[in-house]
């Protein structure tokens, strides 16, 4: 999947990859990145922006 993200971003002329974050695992607690985001960041020269879902009380 990370290679597909990079290929698609390059095909469309993107200059940023944005990945939505959900859940937690050991990678997230130690690096701040989930496995897909971490692999994407390692395989591309494009910047990767990781966004978290809204939490209770956001947008009030």
C-alpha atoms as a PDB file:
ATOM      1  CA  UNK A   1       0.000   0.000   0.000  1.00  0.00           C
ATOM      2  CA  UNK A   2       2.725   2.592   0.743  1.00  0.00           C
ATOM      3  CA  UNK A   3       4.213   2.067  -2.729  1.00  0.00           C
ATOM      4  CA  UNK A   4       0.729   2.585  -4.237  1.00  0.00           C
ATOM      5  CA  UNK A   5       0.329   5.826  -2.276  1.00  0.00           C
ATOM      6  CA  UNK A   6       3.656   7.122  -3.534  1.00  0.00           C
ATOM      7  CA  UNK A   7       2.979   6.079  -7.155  1.00  0.00           C
ATOM      8  CA  UNK A   8      -0.479   7.658  -7.109  1.00  0.00           C
ATOM      9  CA  UNK A   9       0.823  10.883  -5.584  1.00  0.00           C
ATOM     10  CA  UNK A  10       3.533  11.167  -8.239  1.00  0.00           C
ATOM     11  CA  UNK A  11       1.079  10.304 -11.034  1.00  0.00           C
ATOM     12  CA  UNK A  12      -1.251  13.112  -9.945  1.00  0.00           C
ATOM     13  CA  UNK A  13       1.553  15.625  -9.377  1.00  0.00           C
ATOM     14  CA  UNK A  14       0.959  15.851  -5.638  1.00  0.00           C
ATOM     15  CA  UNK A  15       3.543  17.453  -3.415  1.00  0.00           C
ATOM     16  CA  UNK A  16       2.170  16.133  -0.109  1.00  0.00           C
ATOM     17  CA  UNK A  17       0.751  12.823   1.116  1.00  0.00           C
ATOM     18  CA  UNK A  18      -1.918  13.131   3.828  1.00  0.00           C
ATOM     19  CA  UNK A  19      -2.720  10.005   5.847  1.00  0.00           C
ATOM     20  CA  UNK A  20      -5.543   9.741   8.359  1.00  0.00           C
ATOM     21  CA  UNK A  21      -4.665   8.053  11.608  1.00  0.00           C
ATOM     22  CA  UNK A  22      -6.934   5.742  13.559  1.00  0.00           C
ATOM     23  CA  UNK A  23      -6.391   3.373  16.456  1.00  0.00           C
ATOM     24  CA  UNK A  24      -3.165   2.774  18.306  1.00  0.00           C
ATOM     25  CA  UNK A  25      -0.422   0.187  18.163  1.00  0.00           C
ATOM     26  CA  UNK A  26       3.154  -0.114  19.357  1.00  0.00           C
ATOM     27  CA  UNK A  27       4.541   1.928  16.404  1.00  0.00           C
ATOM     28  CA  UNK A  28       2.177   4.796  17.115  1.00  0.00           C
ATOM     29  CA  UNK A  29       3.123   5.021  20.773  1.00  0.00           C
ATOM     30  CA  UNK A  30       6.872   4.987  20.078  1.00  0.00           C
ATOM     31  CA  UNK A  31       7.241   6.902  16.793  1.00  0.00           C
ATOM     32  CA  UNK A  32       3.995   8.816  16.407  1.00  0.00           C
ATOM     33  CA  UNK A  33       3.323   6.926  13.162  1.00  0.00           C
ATOM     34  CA  UNK A  34       1.239   3.864  12.408  1.00  0.00           C
ATOM     35  CA  UNK A  35       2.652   1.081  10.220  1.00  0.00           C
ATOM     36  CA  UNK A  36       1.204   2.400   6.920  1.00  0.00           C
ATOM     37  CA  UNK A  37       2.244   5.999   7.588  1.00  0.00           C
ATOM     38  CA  UNK A  38       5.700   4.892   8.705  1.00  0.00           C
ATOM     39  CA  UNK A  39       6.197   2.745   5.584  1.00  0.00           C
ATOM     40  CA  UNK A  40       4.914   5.549   3.323  1.00  0.00           C
ATOM     41  CA  UNK A  41       7.263   8.070   4.933  1.00  0.00           C
ATOM     42  CA  UNK A  42      10.210   5.709   4.478  1.00  0.00           C
ATOM     43  CA  UNK A  43       9.437   5.064   0.791  1.00  0.00           C
ATOM     44  CA  UNK A  44       8.825   8.577  -0.503  1.00  0.00           C
ATOM     45  CA  UNK A  45      10.623  11.875  -0.760  1.00  0.00           C
ATOM     46  CA  UNK A  46       7.299  13.678  -0.498  1.00  0.00           C
ATOM     47  CA  UNK A  47       6.297  15.101   2.874  1.00  0.00           C
ATOM     48  CA  UNK A  48       3.773  12.984   4.762  1.00  0.00           C
ATOM     49  CA  UNK A  49       1.168  14.688   6.951  1.00  0.00           C
ATOM     50  CA  UNK A  50      -0.466  12.454   9.549  1.00  0.00           C
ATOM     51  CA  UNK A  51      -3.852  13.663  10.789  1.00  0.00           C
ATOM     52  CA  UNK A  52      -5.763  12.395  13.800  1.00  0.00           C
ATOM     53  CA  UNK A  53      -9.523  11.955  13.952  1.00  0.00           C
ATOM     54  CA  UNK A  54     -11.458  14.535  15.963  1.00  0.00           C
ATOM     55  CA  UNK A  55     -11.836  13.837  19.636  1.00  0.00           C
ATOM     56  CA  UNK A  56     -14.840  14.499  21.843  1.00  0.00           C
ATOM     57  CA  UNK A  57     -15.347  18.215  22.147  1.00  0.00           C
ATOM     58  CA  UNK A  58     -13.547  19.134  18.893  1.00  0.00           C
ATOM     59  CA  UNK A  59     -15.436  21.608  16.764  1.00  0.00           C
ATOM     60  CA  UNK A  60     -17.598  22.921  19.573  1.00  0.00           C
END
